[in-house]
Amino acid sequence: MNVGVIQRRSLLAALAAAGPTASAWAHRGAGFPERAVRLVVPYSVGIGPDVVARSVAERLAQRWGQPVLVDNKPGASGIVAFGDVRRTPPDGHTLYLADTATLAVNPLLHASLPYDPVRDLAPLTLLFRATFVLLTGGSSRLHNVADLLEAARRTPEGVSYATLGNGHASQLAVETMARAAGLRLLHVPFKDAGALFTAVASGDVDFTAFSVNSTAGLLAAGKLRPLAVAARQRLATHPHLPTLAEAGGPPVAMHPWAALVAVAGTPAPLLAQLHQAVTAVMALPEVRAQAEQAGFELTPSTPQGLRDRIEADIALYRPLVIEGRIARL
């Protein structure tokens, strides 16, 4: 499957497929959910996305009077988890926390996937987004964005950056910036965040891009130094940090995101009911506060808004693959 050549018309038409008719759903009755709902999360227990998922699941359970069970299936960029979800009945009792990798990046990187992100899902809503910050070691030779750009221009691939692997959100963010600035950087992948942050803090690798919340302790200890926030506006929690554009870099924003989707073929009236319930829960002050504490901004959307986001990111990241900045697998 090559999602890189999917045209707008086929993408939107396939995602809009509603499955069983409204009359068939009405015949079954509106007593949803009839049993526990499973929310599959492709992240480990306790990290940011899982925290937000559990907050939403808890309030949905209260609203529905049925358990909403979070099923963590980390690894393989969500490929295994979503492959499992697509085989479940399209009755609304299985939901999936999809992300940038699952819906927009994996199809560009993998010649073969056990799922089709166009045909196998029914979009509900964007859930949240994170904002990346460029980070160097506390004693780095790169004191600001201008230093980073100048060093990279002077020596192509002479400036290195760390990520959690090929196609990871941090690599997408850095290569988007590098492409906009006309630079070539050296990618250094790591298997775990601890080793990554140690390498950047020690100066073995020049910089990385991560959320501030992921590195709060290292920043407070002076082991990491933030250079700029990759967003259109400064962070309310760190107003002293300039945006990338303010610091002399290209005006790009780096916002990895997550969304909630159901299984393709779920009846349209049930999709509408799910969307209404999820967005109502997202509007609760305590849910928003928990998301912000985890370093995320809740971003509810219409199903069409999610479709548009998927399509925009495929278009954004496709050149990174075509130009060899990110390797196909």
C-alpha atoms as a PDB file:
ATOM      1  CA  MET A   1       0.000   0.000   0.000  1.00  0.00           C
ATOM      2  CA  ASN A   2       1.318   3.431  -0.914  1.00  0.00           C
ATOM      3  CA  VAL A   3      -0.601   6.129   0.909  1.00  0.00           C
ATOM      4  CA  GLY A   4       1.813   8.639  -0.573  1.00  0.00           C
ATOM      5  CA  VAL A   5      -0.226   8.620  -3.769  1.00  0.00           C
ATOM      6  CA  ILE A   6      -3.677   8.697  -2.195  1.00  0.00           C
ATOM      7  CA  GLN A   7      -5.615  11.572  -3.640  1.00  0.00           C
ATOM      8  CA  ARG A   8      -7.842  13.857  -1.618  1.00  0.00           C
ATOM      9  CA  ARG A   9     -11.058  12.516  -3.096  1.00  0.00           C
ATOM     10  CA  SER A  10     -10.340   8.861  -2.368  1.00  0.00           C
ATOM     11  CA  LEU A  11      -9.060   9.637   1.136  1.00  0.00           C
ATOM     12  CA  LEU A  12     -12.142  11.538   2.195  1.00  0.00           C
ATOM     13  CA  ALA A  13     -14.544   9.158   0.497  1.00  0.00           C
ATOM     14  CA  ALA A  14     -13.037   6.109   2.154  1.00  0.00           C
ATOM     15  CA  LEU A  15     -12.938   7.679   5.605  1.00  0.00           C
ATOM     16  CA  ALA A  16     -16.540   8.829   5.278  1.00  0.00           C
ATOM     17  CA  ALA A  17     -17.876   5.309   4.698  1.00  0.00           C
ATOM     18  CA  ALA A  18     -20.466   4.777   7.388  1.00  0.00           C
ATOM     19  CA  GLY A  19     -21.081   1.033   7.257  1.00  0.00           C
ATOM     20  CA  PRO A  20     -24.474  -0.194   8.495  1.00  0.00           C
ATOM     21  CA  THR A  21     -27.400   2.097   7.854  1.00  0.00           C
ATOM     22  CA  ALA A  22     -29.016   4.366  10.375  1.00  0.00           C
ATOM     23  CA  SER A  23     -32.176   2.266  10.255  1.00  0.00           C
ATOM     24  CA  ALA A  24     -30.210  -0.864  11.177  1.00  0.00           C
ATOM     25  CA  TRP A  25     -28.755   0.948  14.173  1.00  0.00           C
ATOM     26  CA  ALA A  26     -32.162   2.244  15.214  1.00  0.00           C
ATOM     27  CA  HIS A  27     -33.505  -1.313  15.085  1.00  0.00           C
ATOM     28  CA  ARG A  28     -30.868  -2.417  17.604  1.00  0.00           C
ATOM     29  CA  GLY A  29     -31.818   0.381  19.946  1.00  0.00           C
ATOM     30  CA  ALA A  30     -29.968   3.260  21.519  1.00  0.00           C
ATOM     31  CA  GLY A  31     -28.805   1.408  24.626  1.00  0.00           C
ATOM     32  CA  PHE A  32     -25.124   2.006  23.990  1.00  0.00           C
ATOM     33  CA  PRO A  33     -22.899   0.887  25.513  1.00  0.00           C
ATOM     34  CA  GLU A  34     -24.298  -2.565  26.190  1.00  0.00           C
ATOM     35  CA  ARG A  35     -21.128  -3.721  27.980  1.00  0.00           C
ATOM     36  CA  ALA A  36     -17.623  -2.554  28.821  1.00  0.00           C
ATOM     37  CA  VAL A  37     -15.895  -0.405  26.205  1.00  0.00           C
ATOM     38  CA  ARG A  38     -12.226  -1.078  25.415  1.00  0.00           C
ATOM     39  CA  LEU A  39      -9.906   1.835  24.670  1.00  0.00           C
ATOM     40  CA  VAL A  40      -6.699   0.547  23.075  1.00  0.00           C
ATOM     41  CA  VAL A  41      -3.679   2.772  23.751  1.00  0.00           C
ATOM     42  CA  PRO A  42      -0.382   2.157  21.883  1.00  0.00           C
ATOM     43  CA  TYR A  43       1.687   3.558  24.768  1.00  0.00           C
ATOM     44  CA  SER A  44       3.035   2.217  28.048  1.00  0.00           C
ATOM     45  CA  VAL A  45       1.152   2.732  31.297  1.00  0.00           C
ATOM     46  CA  GLY A  46       1.901   5.995  33.075  1.00  0.00           C
ATOM     47  CA  ILE A  47       3.358   8.123  30.283  1.00  0.00           C
ATOM     48  CA  GLY A  48       1.621  11.269  29.030  1.00  0.00           C
ATOM     49  CA  PRO A  49      -0.756   9.895  26.358  1.00  0.00           C
ATOM     50  CA  ASP A  50      -1.823   7.067  28.670  1.00  0.00           C
ATOM     51  CA  VAL A  51      -2.570   9.577  31.442  1.00  0.00           C
ATOM     52  CA  VAL A  52      -4.875  11.567  29.160  1.00  0.00           C
ATOM     53  CA  ALA A  53      -6.527   8.405  27.823  1.00  0.00           C
ATOM     54  CA  ARG A  54      -7.296   7.205  31.346  1.00  0.00           C
ATOM     55  CA  SER A  55      -8.700  10.585  32.328  1.00  0.00           C
ATOM     56  CA  VAL A  56     -11.071  10.514  29.353  1.00  0.00           C
ATOM     57  CA  ALA A  57     -11.940   6.840  29.937  1.00  0.00           C
ATOM     58  CA  GLU A  58     -12.832   7.468  33.583  1.00  0.00           C
ATOM     59  CA  ARG A  59     -15.285  10.251  32.710  1.00  0.00           C
ATOM     60  CA  LEU A  60     -16.804   8.278  29.839  1.00  0.00           C
ATOM     61  CA  ALA A  61     -17.423   5.391  32.239  1.00  0.00           C
ATOM     62  CA  GLN A  62     -19.183   7.758  34.632  1.00  0.00           C
ATOM     63  CA  ARG A  63     -21.265   9.158  31.795  1.00  0.00           C
ATOM     64  CA  TRP A  64     -22.234   5.781  30.326  1.00  0.00           C
ATOM     65  CA  GLY A  65     -22.565   3.708  33.483  1.00  0.00           C
ATOM     66  CA  GLN A  66     -20.326   1.049  31.933  1.00  0.00           C
ATOM     67  CA  PRO A  67     -16.599   0.401  32.429  1.00  0.00           C
ATOM     68  CA  VAL A  68     -14.183   1.884  29.894  1.00  0.00           C
ATOM     69  CA  LEU A  69     -11.102  -0.315  30.072  1.00  0.00           C
ATOM     70  CA  VAL A  70      -7.752   1.048  28.892  1.00  0.00           C
ATOM     71  CA  ASP A  71      -5.808  -1.687  27.094  1.00  0.00           C
ATOM     72  CA  ASN A  72      -2.133  -0.722  26.693  1.00  0.00           C
ATOM     73  CA  LYS A  73      -0.414  -2.225  23.646  1.00  0.00           C
ATOM     74  CA  PRO A  74       2.864  -0.299  23.195  1.00  0.00           C
ATOM     75  CA  GLY A  75       5.489  -0.824  20.527  1.00  0.00           C
ATOM     76  CA  ALA A  76       5.970  -0.971  16.760  1.00  0.00           C
ATOM     77  CA  SER A  77       4.617   2.576  16.263  1.00  0.00           C
ATOM     78  CA  GLY A  78       1.081   1.369  16.914  1.00  0.00           C
ATOM     79  CA  ILE A  79       1.137  -1.183  14.092  1.00  0.00           C
ATOM     80  CA  VAL A  80       0.342  -4.191  16.300  1.00  0.00           C
ATOM     81  CA  ALA A  81      -2.265  -2.337  18.355  1.00  0.00           C
ATOM     82  CA  PHE A  82      -4.193  -0.958  15.394  1.00  0.00           C
ATOM     83  CA  GLY A  83      -3.940  -4.286  13.592  1.00  0.00           C
ATOM     84  CA  ASP A  84      -5.757  -5.788  16.582  1.00  0.00           C
ATOM     85  CA  VAL A  85      -8.414  -3.067  16.701  1.00  0.00           C
ATOM     86  CA  ARG A  86      -9.357  -3.385  13.032  1.00  0.00           C
ATOM     87  CA  ARG A  87     -10.418  -7.006  13.588  1.00  0.00           C
ATOM     88  CA  THR A  88     -13.025  -6.130  16.223  1.00  0.00           C
ATOM     89  CA  PRO A  89     -16.766  -5.718  15.491  1.00  0.00           C
ATOM     90  CA  PRO A  90     -17.810  -2.207  14.357  1.00  0.00           C
ATOM     91  CA  ASP A  91     -20.191  -1.727  17.269  1.00  0.00           C
ATOM     92  CA  GLY A  92     -18.506   1.145  19.128  1.00  0.00           C
ATOM     93  CA  HIS A  93     -17.249  -1.046  21.972  1.00  0.00           C
ATOM     94  CA  THR A  94     -13.622  -0.787  20.821  1.00  0.00           C
ATOM     95  CA  LEU A  95     -11.955   2.601  20.426  1.00  0.00           C
ATOM     96  CA  TYR A  96      -8.362   3.397  19.542  1.00  0.00           C
ATOM     97  CA  LEU A  97      -6.016   6.194  20.561  1.00  0.00           C
ATOM     98  CA  ALA A  98      -4.438   6.851  17.171  1.00  0.00           C
ATOM     99  CA  ASP A  99      -1.575   9.260  16.638  1.00  0.00           C
ATOM    100  CA  THR A 100       0.540  10.927  13.987  1.00  0.00           C
ATOM    101  CA  ALA A 101       2.574   7.763  13.453  1.00  0.00           C
ATOM    102  CA  THR A 102      -0.408   5.424  13.068  1.00  0.00           C
ATOM    103  CA  LEU A 103      -2.386   7.535  10.637  1.00  0.00           C
ATOM    104  CA  ALA A 104       0.067   9.741   8.742  1.00  0.00           C
ATOM    105  CA  VAL A 105       3.613   8.384   9.054  1.00  0.00           C
ATOM    106  CA  ASN A 106       3.482   4.571   9.008  1.00  0.00           C
ATOM    107  CA  PRO A 107       1.823   4.494   5.566  1.00  0.00           C
ATOM    108  CA  LEU A 108       4.680   6.586   4.177  1.00  0.00           C
ATOM    109  CA  LEU A 109       7.433   4.485   5.745  1.00  0.00           C
ATOM    110  CA  HIS A 110       6.148   0.928   5.348  1.00  0.00           C
ATOM    111  CA  ALA A 111       5.614  -0.786   2.021  1.00  0.00           C
ATOM    112  CA  SER A 112       3.224  -3.198   3.735  1.00  0.00           C
ATOM    113  CA  LEU A 113       1.041  -2.703   6.804  1.00  0.00           C
ATOM    114  CA  PRO A 114      -1.456  -5.046   8.514  1.00  0.00           C
ATOM    115  CA  TYR A 115      -4.011  -2.231   8.342  1.00  0.00           C
ATOM    116  CA  ASP A 116      -5.139   0.523   6.027  1.00  0.00           C
ATOM    117  CA  PRO A 117      -5.538   3.832   7.893  1.00  0.00           C
ATOM    118  CA  VAL A 118      -8.004   5.005   5.266  1.00  0.00           C
ATOM    119  CA  ARG A 119     -10.328   2.016   5.033  1.00  0.00           C
ATOM    120  CA  ASP A 120     -10.039   0.491   8.520  1.00  0.00           C
ATOM    121  CA  LEU A 121     -11.005   3.396  10.771  1.00  0.00           C
ATOM    122  CA  ALA A 122     -13.894   5.735  11.455  1.00  0.00           C
ATOM    123  CA  PRO A 123     -12.620   9.139  12.669  1.00  0.00           C
ATOM    124  CA  LEU A 124     -14.157  10.625  15.811  1.00  0.00           C
ATOM    125  CA  THR A 125     -12.094  13.585  17.009  1.00  0.00           C
ATOM    126  CA  LEU A 126      -8.626  14.945  17.515  1.00  0.00           C
ATOM    127  CA  LEU A 127      -7.808  14.499  21.191  1.00  0.00           C
ATOM    128  CA  PHE A 128      -4.673  16.446  22.072  1.00  0.00           C
ATOM    129  CA  ARG A 129      -1.432  17.817  20.755  1.00  0.00           C
ATOM    130  CA  ALA A 130       2.012  18.380  22.237  1.00  0.00           C
ATOM    131  CA  THR A 131       4.469  21.173  21.515  1.00  0.00           C
ATOM    132  CA  PHE A 132       8.136  20.460  20.969  1.00  0.00           C
ATOM    133  CA  VAL A 133      11.038  22.482  22.300  1.00  0.00           C
ATOM    134  CA  LEU A 134      14.577  22.375  20.894  1.00  0.00           C
ATOM    135  CA  LEU A 135      16.911  21.251  23.684  1.00  0.00           C
ATOM    136  CA  THR A 136      20.709  21.160  23.973  1.00  0.00           C
ATOM    137  CA  GLY A 137      23.029  20.102  26.768  1.00  0.00           C
ATOM    138  CA  GLY A 138      23.595  22.541  29.593  1.00  0.00           C
ATOM    139  CA  SER A 139      27.215  23.072  28.465  1.00  0.00           C
ATOM    140  CA  SER A 140      26.571  22.808  24.733  1.00  0.00           C
ATOM    141  CA  ARG A 141      28.519  24.809  22.161  1.00  0.00           C
ATOM    142  CA  LEU A 142      25.118  25.774  20.739  1.00  0.00           C
ATOM    143  CA  HIS A 143      23.877  28.636  22.904  1.00  0.00           C
ATOM    144  CA  ASN A 144      20.909  29.592  20.748  1.00  0.00           C
ATOM    145  CA  VAL A 145      19.098  28.769  17.512  1.00  0.00           C
ATOM    146  CA  ALA A 146      21.401  31.057  15.532  1.00  0.00           C
ATOM    147  CA  ASP A 147      24.412  29.023  16.699  1.00  0.00           C
ATOM    148  CA  LEU A 148      22.688  25.799  15.680  1.00  0.00           C
ATOM    149  CA  LEU A 149      21.776  27.055  12.215  1.00  0.00           C
ATOM    150  CA  GLU A 150      25.202  28.573  11.583  1.00  0.00           C
ATOM    151  CA  ALA A 151      27.018  25.386  12.617  1.00  0.00           C
ATOM    152  CA  ALA A 152      24.749  23.289  10.395  1.00  0.00           C
ATOM    153  CA  ARG A 153      25.260  25.589   7.409  1.00  0.00           C
ATOM    154  CA  ARG A 154      29.011  25.577   7.894  1.00  0.00           C
ATOM    155  CA  THR A 155      29.276  21.769   8.028  1.00  0.00           C
ATOM    156  CA  PRO A 156      26.463  19.685   6.479  1.00  0.00           C
ATOM    157  CA  GLU A 157      25.636  16.812   8.857  1.00  0.00           C
ATOM    158  CA  GLY A 158      28.101  18.335  11.306  1.00  0.00           C
ATOM    159  CA  VAL A 159      25.301  19.002  13.798  1.00  0.00           C
ATOM    160  CA  SER A 160      23.661  15.922  15.321  1.00  0.00           C
ATOM    161  CA  TYR A 161      20.238  15.411  16.834  1.00  0.00           C
ATOM    162  CA  ALA A 162      18.795  12.571  18.919  1.00  0.00           C
ATOM    163  CA  THR A 163      15.432  10.831  18.548  1.00  0.00           C
ATOM    164  CA  LEU A 164      13.762   7.600  19.611  1.00  0.00           C
ATOM    165  CA  GLY A 165      14.125   6.095  16.156  1.00  0.00           C
ATOM    166  CA  ASN A 166      13.366   6.397  12.482  1.00  0.00           C
ATOM    167  CA  GLY A 167      10.003   8.068  11.927  1.00  0.00           C
ATOM    168  CA  HIS A 168       9.611   9.113  15.569  1.00  0.00           C
ATOM    169  CA  ALA A 169       7.752  12.373  16.135  1.00  0.00           C
ATOM    170  CA  SER A 170      10.952  14.113  17.215  1.00  0.00           C
ATOM    171  CA  GLN A 171      12.652  13.163  13.941  1.00  0.00           C
ATOM    172  CA  LEU A 172       9.676  14.428  11.959  1.00  0.00           C
ATOM    173  CA  ALA A 173       9.855  17.704  13.862  1.00  0.00           C
ATOM    174  CA  VAL A 174      13.589  18.249  13.427  1.00  0.00           C
ATOM    175  CA  GLU A 175      13.650  17.242   9.761  1.00  0.00           C
ATOM    176  CA  THR A 176      10.683  19.519   9.036  1.00  0.00           C
ATOM    177  CA  MET A 177      12.678  22.385  10.529  1.00  0.00           C
ATOM    178  CA  ALA A 178      15.870  21.347   8.719  1.00  0.00           C
ATOM    179  CA  ARG A 179      14.113  21.101   5.363  1.00  0.00           C
ATOM    180  CA  ALA A 180      12.543  24.542   5.813  1.00  0.00           C
ATOM    181  CA  ALA A 181      15.984  25.970   6.626  1.00  0.00           C
ATOM    182  CA  GLY A 182      17.732  24.096   3.804  1.00  0.00           C
ATOM    183  CA  LEU A 183      19.946  22.122   6.192  1.00  0.00           C
ATOM    184  CA  ARG A 184      21.222  18.564   6.455  1.00  0.00           C
ATOM    185  CA  LEU A 185      21.647  17.239   9.994  1.00  0.00           C
ATOM    186  CA  LEU A 186      23.005  13.974  11.410  1.00  0.00           C
ATOM    187  CA  HIS A 187      20.321  11.727  12.912  1.00  0.00           C
ATOM    188  CA  VAL A 188      21.316   9.664  15.977  1.00  0.00           C
ATOM    189  CA  PRO A 189      18.557   7.228  17.039  1.00  0.00           C
ATOM    190  CA  PHE A 190      18.221   5.809  20.559  1.00  0.00           C
ATOM    191  CA  LYS A 191      16.165   2.939  21.945  1.00  0.00           C
ATOM    192  CA  ASP A 192      15.095   4.672  25.149  1.00  0.00           C
ATOM    193  CA  ALA A 193      14.599   8.214  26.384  1.00  0.00           C
ATOM    194  CA  GLY A 194      17.018   7.885  29.296  1.00  0.00           C
ATOM    195  CA  ALA A 195      19.977   7.154  27.036  1.00  0.00           C
ATOM    196  CA  LEU A 196      18.870   9.892  24.646  1.00  0.00           C
ATOM    197  CA  PHE A 197      18.738  12.599  27.308  1.00  0.00           C
ATOM    198  CA  THR A 198      22.065  11.459  28.771  1.00  0.00           C
ATOM    199  CA  ALA A 199      23.714  11.771  25.352  1.00  0.00           C
ATOM    200  CA  VAL A 200      22.334  15.269  24.776  1.00  0.00           C
ATOM    201  CA  ALA A 201      23.136  16.428  28.317  1.00  0.00           C
ATOM    202  CA  SER A 202      26.739  15.212  27.982  1.00  0.00           C
ATOM    203  CA  GLY A 203      27.203  16.797  24.562  1.00  0.00           C
ATOM    204  CA  ASP A 204      27.686  13.492  22.735  1.00  0.00           C
ATOM    205  CA  VAL A 205      24.712  14.562  20.588  1.00  0.00           C
ATOM    206  CA  ASP A 206      24.082  18.241  19.904  1.00  0.00           C
ATOM    207  CA  PHE A 207      20.334  18.592  20.432  1.00  0.00           C
ATOM    208  CA  THR A 208      16.893  17.013  20.405  1.00  0.00           C
ATOM    209  CA  ALA A 209      13.243  18.043  20.181  1.00  0.00           C
ATOM    210  CA  PHE A 210      10.931  17.012  23.019  1.00  0.00           C
ATOM    211  CA  SER A 211       8.123  18.419  25.107  1.00  0.00           C
ATOM    212  CA  VAL A 212       9.138  20.519  28.099  1.00  0.00           C
ATOM    213  CA  ASN A 213       7.207  18.293  30.501  1.00  0.00           C
ATOM    214  CA  SER A 214       9.206  15.231  29.437  1.00  0.00           C
ATOM    215  CA  THR A 215      12.423  16.918  30.505  1.00  0.00           C
ATOM    216  CA  ALA A 216      11.373  19.101  33.453  1.00  0.00           C
ATOM    217  CA  GLY A 217      13.814  17.535  35.920  1.00  0.00           C
ATOM    218  CA  LEU A 218      16.801  17.788  33.588  1.00  0.00           C
ATOM    219  CA  LEU A 219      15.943  21.391  32.745  1.00  0.00           C
ATOM    220  CA  ALA A 220      15.636  22.321  36.413  1.00  0.00           C
ATOM    221  CA  ALA A 221      19.022  20.720  37.114  1.00  0.00           C
ATOM    222  CA  GLY A 222      20.640  22.637  34.261  1.00  0.00           C
ATOM    223  CA  LYS A 223      21.587  19.453  32.409  1.00  0.00           C
ATOM    224  CA  LEU A 224      19.481  20.481  29.421  1.00  0.00           C
ATOM    225  CA  ARG A 225      18.959  23.979  28.025  1.00  0.00           C
ATOM    226  CA  PRO A 226      15.909  25.005  25.962  1.00  0.00           C
ATOM    227  CA  LEU A 227      16.589  27.054  22.828  1.00  0.00           C
ATOM    228  CA  ALA A 228      13.148  27.735  21.378  1.00  0.00           C
ATOM    229  CA  VAL A 229       9.597  26.450  21.244  1.00  0.00           C
ATOM    230  CA  ALA A 230       8.498  25.081  17.882  1.00  0.00           C
ATOM    231  CA  ALA A 231       5.109  26.777  17.761  1.00  0.00           C
ATOM    232  CA  ARG A 232       3.437  29.886  16.386  1.00  0.00           C
ATOM    233  CA  GLN A 233       3.075  31.319  19.885  1.00  0.00           C
ATOM    234  CA  ARG A 234       5.072  31.100  23.090  1.00  0.00           C
ATOM    235  CA  LEU A 235       4.079  28.546  25.697  1.00  0.00           C
ATOM    236  CA  ALA A 236       1.928  29.969  28.484  1.00  0.00           C
ATOM    237  CA  THR A 237       3.842  27.779  30.936  1.00  0.00           C
ATOM    238  CA  HIS A 238       7.250  29.008  29.672  1.00  0.00           C
ATOM    239  CA  PRO A 239       6.654  32.539  28.351  1.00  0.00           C
ATOM    240  CA  HIS A 240      10.383  33.354  28.419  1.00  0.00           C
ATOM    241  CA  LEU A 241      11.093  30.835  25.643  1.00  0.00           C
ATOM    242  CA  PRO A 242      11.072  32.417  22.167  1.00  0.00           C
ATOM    243  CA  THR A 243       9.338  30.725  19.284  1.00  0.00           C
ATOM    244  CA  LEU A 244      11.533  29.182  16.623  1.00  0.00           C
ATOM    245  CA  ALA A 245      10.771  32.083  14.283  1.00  0.00           C
ATOM    246  CA  GLU A 246      11.532  34.672  16.973  1.00  0.00           C
ATOM    247  CA  ALA A 247      14.877  32.961  17.585  1.00  0.00           C
ATOM    248  CA  GLY A 248      15.866  33.270  13.923  1.00  0.00           C
ATOM    249  CA  GLY A 249      14.723  29.855  12.713  1.00  0.00           C
ATOM    250  CA  PRO A 250      12.127  28.934  10.087  1.00  0.00           C
ATOM    251  CA  PRO A 251       8.502  29.643  11.100  1.00  0.00           C
ATOM    252  CA  VAL A 252       7.470  26.016  11.509  1.00  0.00           C
ATOM    253  CA  ALA A 253       5.305  24.485  14.222  1.00  0.00           C
ATOM    254  CA  MET A 254       5.954  20.972  15.550  1.00  0.00           C
ATOM    255  CA  HIS A 255       2.836  19.497  17.133  1.00  0.00           C
ATOM    256  CA  PRO A 256       2.567  15.716  17.364  1.00  0.00           C
ATOM    257  CA  TRP A 257      -1.053  14.809  18.035  1.00  0.00           C
ATOM    258  CA  ALA A 258      -3.375  12.012  19.064  1.00  0.00           C
ATOM    259  CA  ALA A 259      -6.970  11.249  18.141  1.00  0.00           C
ATOM    260  CA  LEU A 260      -9.786   8.861  18.947  1.00  0.00           C
ATOM    261  CA  VAL A 261     -11.103   6.594  16.211  1.00  0.00           C
ATOM    262  CA  ALA A 262     -13.573   3.742  15.976  1.00  0.00           C
ATOM    263  CA  VAL A 263     -13.632   0.713  13.695  1.00  0.00           C
ATOM    264  CA  ALA A 264     -14.688   1.272  10.094  1.00  0.00           C
ATOM    265  CA  GLY A 265     -18.283   0.260   9.503  1.00  0.00           C
ATOM    266  CA  THR A 266     -19.529   1.616  12.834  1.00  0.00           C
ATOM    267  CA  PRO A 267     -23.054   2.997  12.192  1.00  0.00           C
ATOM    268  CA  ALA A 268     -23.153   6.737  11.571  1.00  0.00           C
ATOM    269  CA  PRO A 269     -25.652   7.472  14.403  1.00  0.00           C
ATOM    270  CA  LEU A 270     -23.376   5.661  16.852  1.00  0.00           C
ATOM    271  CA  LEU A 271     -20.340   7.585  15.601  1.00  0.00           C
ATOM    272  CA  ALA A 272     -22.250  10.809  16.253  1.00  0.00           C
ATOM    273  CA  GLN A 273     -23.146   9.597  19.746  1.00  0.00           C
ATOM    274  CA  LEU A 274     -19.523   8.677  20.475  1.00  0.00           C
ATOM    275  CA  HIS A 275     -18.283  12.023  19.187  1.00  0.00           C
ATOM    276  CA  GLN A 276     -20.745  13.917  21.362  1.00  0.00           C
ATOM    277  CA  ALA A 277     -19.793  11.950  24.482  1.00  0.00           C
ATOM    278  CA  VAL A 278     -16.032  12.239  23.979  1.00  0.00           C
ATOM    279  CA  THR A 279     -16.038  15.964  23.213  1.00  0.00           C
ATOM    280  CA  ALA A 280     -18.318  16.618  26.198  1.00  0.00           C
ATOM    281  CA  VAL A 281     -15.828  14.843  28.453  1.00  0.00           C
ATOM    282  CA  MET A 282     -12.931  16.772  26.902  1.00  0.00           C
ATOM    283  CA  ALA A 283     -14.668  20.024  27.873  1.00  0.00           C
ATOM    284  CA  LEU A 284     -14.585  19.150  31.592  1.00  0.00           C
ATOM    285  CA  PRO A 285     -12.154  21.419  33.501  1.00  0.00           C
ATOM    286  CA  GLU A 286     -10.573  18.516  35.380  1.00  0.00           C
ATOM    287  CA  VAL A 287      -9.844  16.618  32.164  1.00  0.00           C
ATOM    288  CA  ARG A 288      -8.306  19.694  30.584  1.00  0.00           C
ATOM    289  CA  ALA A 289      -6.214  20.315  33.709  1.00  0.00           C
ATOM    290  CA  GLN A 290      -4.890  16.743  33.730  1.00  0.00           C
ATOM    291  CA  ALA A 291      -3.965  17.011  30.064  1.00  0.00           C
ATOM    292  CA  GLU A 292      -2.112  20.282  30.635  1.00  0.00           C
ATOM    293  CA  GLN A 293      -0.268  18.779  33.591  1.00  0.00           C
ATOM    294  CA  ALA A 294       0.868  15.956  31.299  1.00  0.00           C
ATOM    295  CA  GLY A 295       2.104  18.520  28.765  1.00  0.00           C
ATOM    296  CA  PHE A 296      -0.740  18.410  26.252  1.00  0.00           C
ATOM    297  CA  GLU A 297      -3.335  20.773  24.856  1.00  0.00           C
ATOM    298  CA  LEU A 298      -6.776  19.252  24.267  1.00  0.00           C
ATOM    299  CA  THR A 299      -7.885  19.877  20.675  1.00  0.00           C
ATOM    300  CA  PRO A 300     -11.408  18.530  20.061  1.00  0.00           C
ATOM    301  CA  SER A 301     -12.492  18.497  16.438  1.00  0.00           C
ATOM    302  CA  THR A 302     -15.140  17.238  14.091  1.00  0.00           C
ATOM    303  CA  PRO A 303     -14.520  13.946  12.273  1.00  0.00           C
ATOM    304  CA  GLN A 304     -13.858  16.043   9.171  1.00  0.00           C
ATOM    305  CA  GLY A 305     -11.298  18.063  11.102  1.00  0.00           C
ATOM    306  CA  LEU A 306      -9.452  14.843  11.914  1.00  0.00           C
ATOM    307  CA  ARG A 307      -9.582  13.743   8.273  1.00  0.00           C
ATOM    308  CA  ASP A 308      -8.120  17.102   7.251  1.00  0.00           C
ATOM    309  CA  ARG A 309      -5.327  16.769   9.827  1.00  0.00           C
ATOM    310  CA  ILE A 310      -4.388  13.311   8.529  1.00  0.00           C
ATOM    311  CA  GLU A 311      -4.311  14.520   4.954  1.00  0.00           C
ATOM    312  CA  ALA A 312      -2.295  17.639   5.818  1.00  0.00           C
ATOM    313  CA  ASP A 313       0.324  15.619   7.694  1.00  0.00           C
ATOM    314  CA  ILE A 314       0.685  13.079   4.897  1.00  0.00           C
ATOM    315  CA  ALA A 315       1.379  16.000   2.554  1.00  0.00           C
ATOM    316  CA  LEU A 316       3.773  17.580   5.075  1.00  0.00           C
ATOM    317  CA  TYR A 317       5.857  14.468   5.730  1.00  0.00           C
ATOM    318  CA  ARG A 318       5.844  12.900   2.263  1.00  0.00           C
ATOM    319  CA  PRO A 319       8.737  15.117   1.026  1.00  0.00           C
ATOM    320  CA  LEU A 320      10.858  14.040   4.005  1.00  0.00           C
ATOM    321  CA  VAL A 321      10.611  10.457   2.777  1.00  0.00           C
ATOM    322  CA  ILE A 322      11.023  11.305  -0.912  1.00  0.00           C
ATOM    323  CA  GLU A 323      14.177  13.313  -0.180  1.00  0.00           C
ATOM    324  CA  GLY A 324      15.656  10.572   1.991  1.00  0.00           C
ATOM    325  CA  ARG A 325      15.539  12.594   5.198  1.00  0.00           C
ATOM    326  CA  ILE A 326      13.540   9.772   6.773  1.00  0.00           C
ATOM    327  CA  ALA A 327      14.186   6.210   5.610  1.00  0.00           C
ATOM    328  CA  ARG A 328      11.489   3.893   4.309  1.00  0.00           C
ATOM    329  CA  LEU A 329      11.300   0.593   6.161  1.00  0.00           C
END
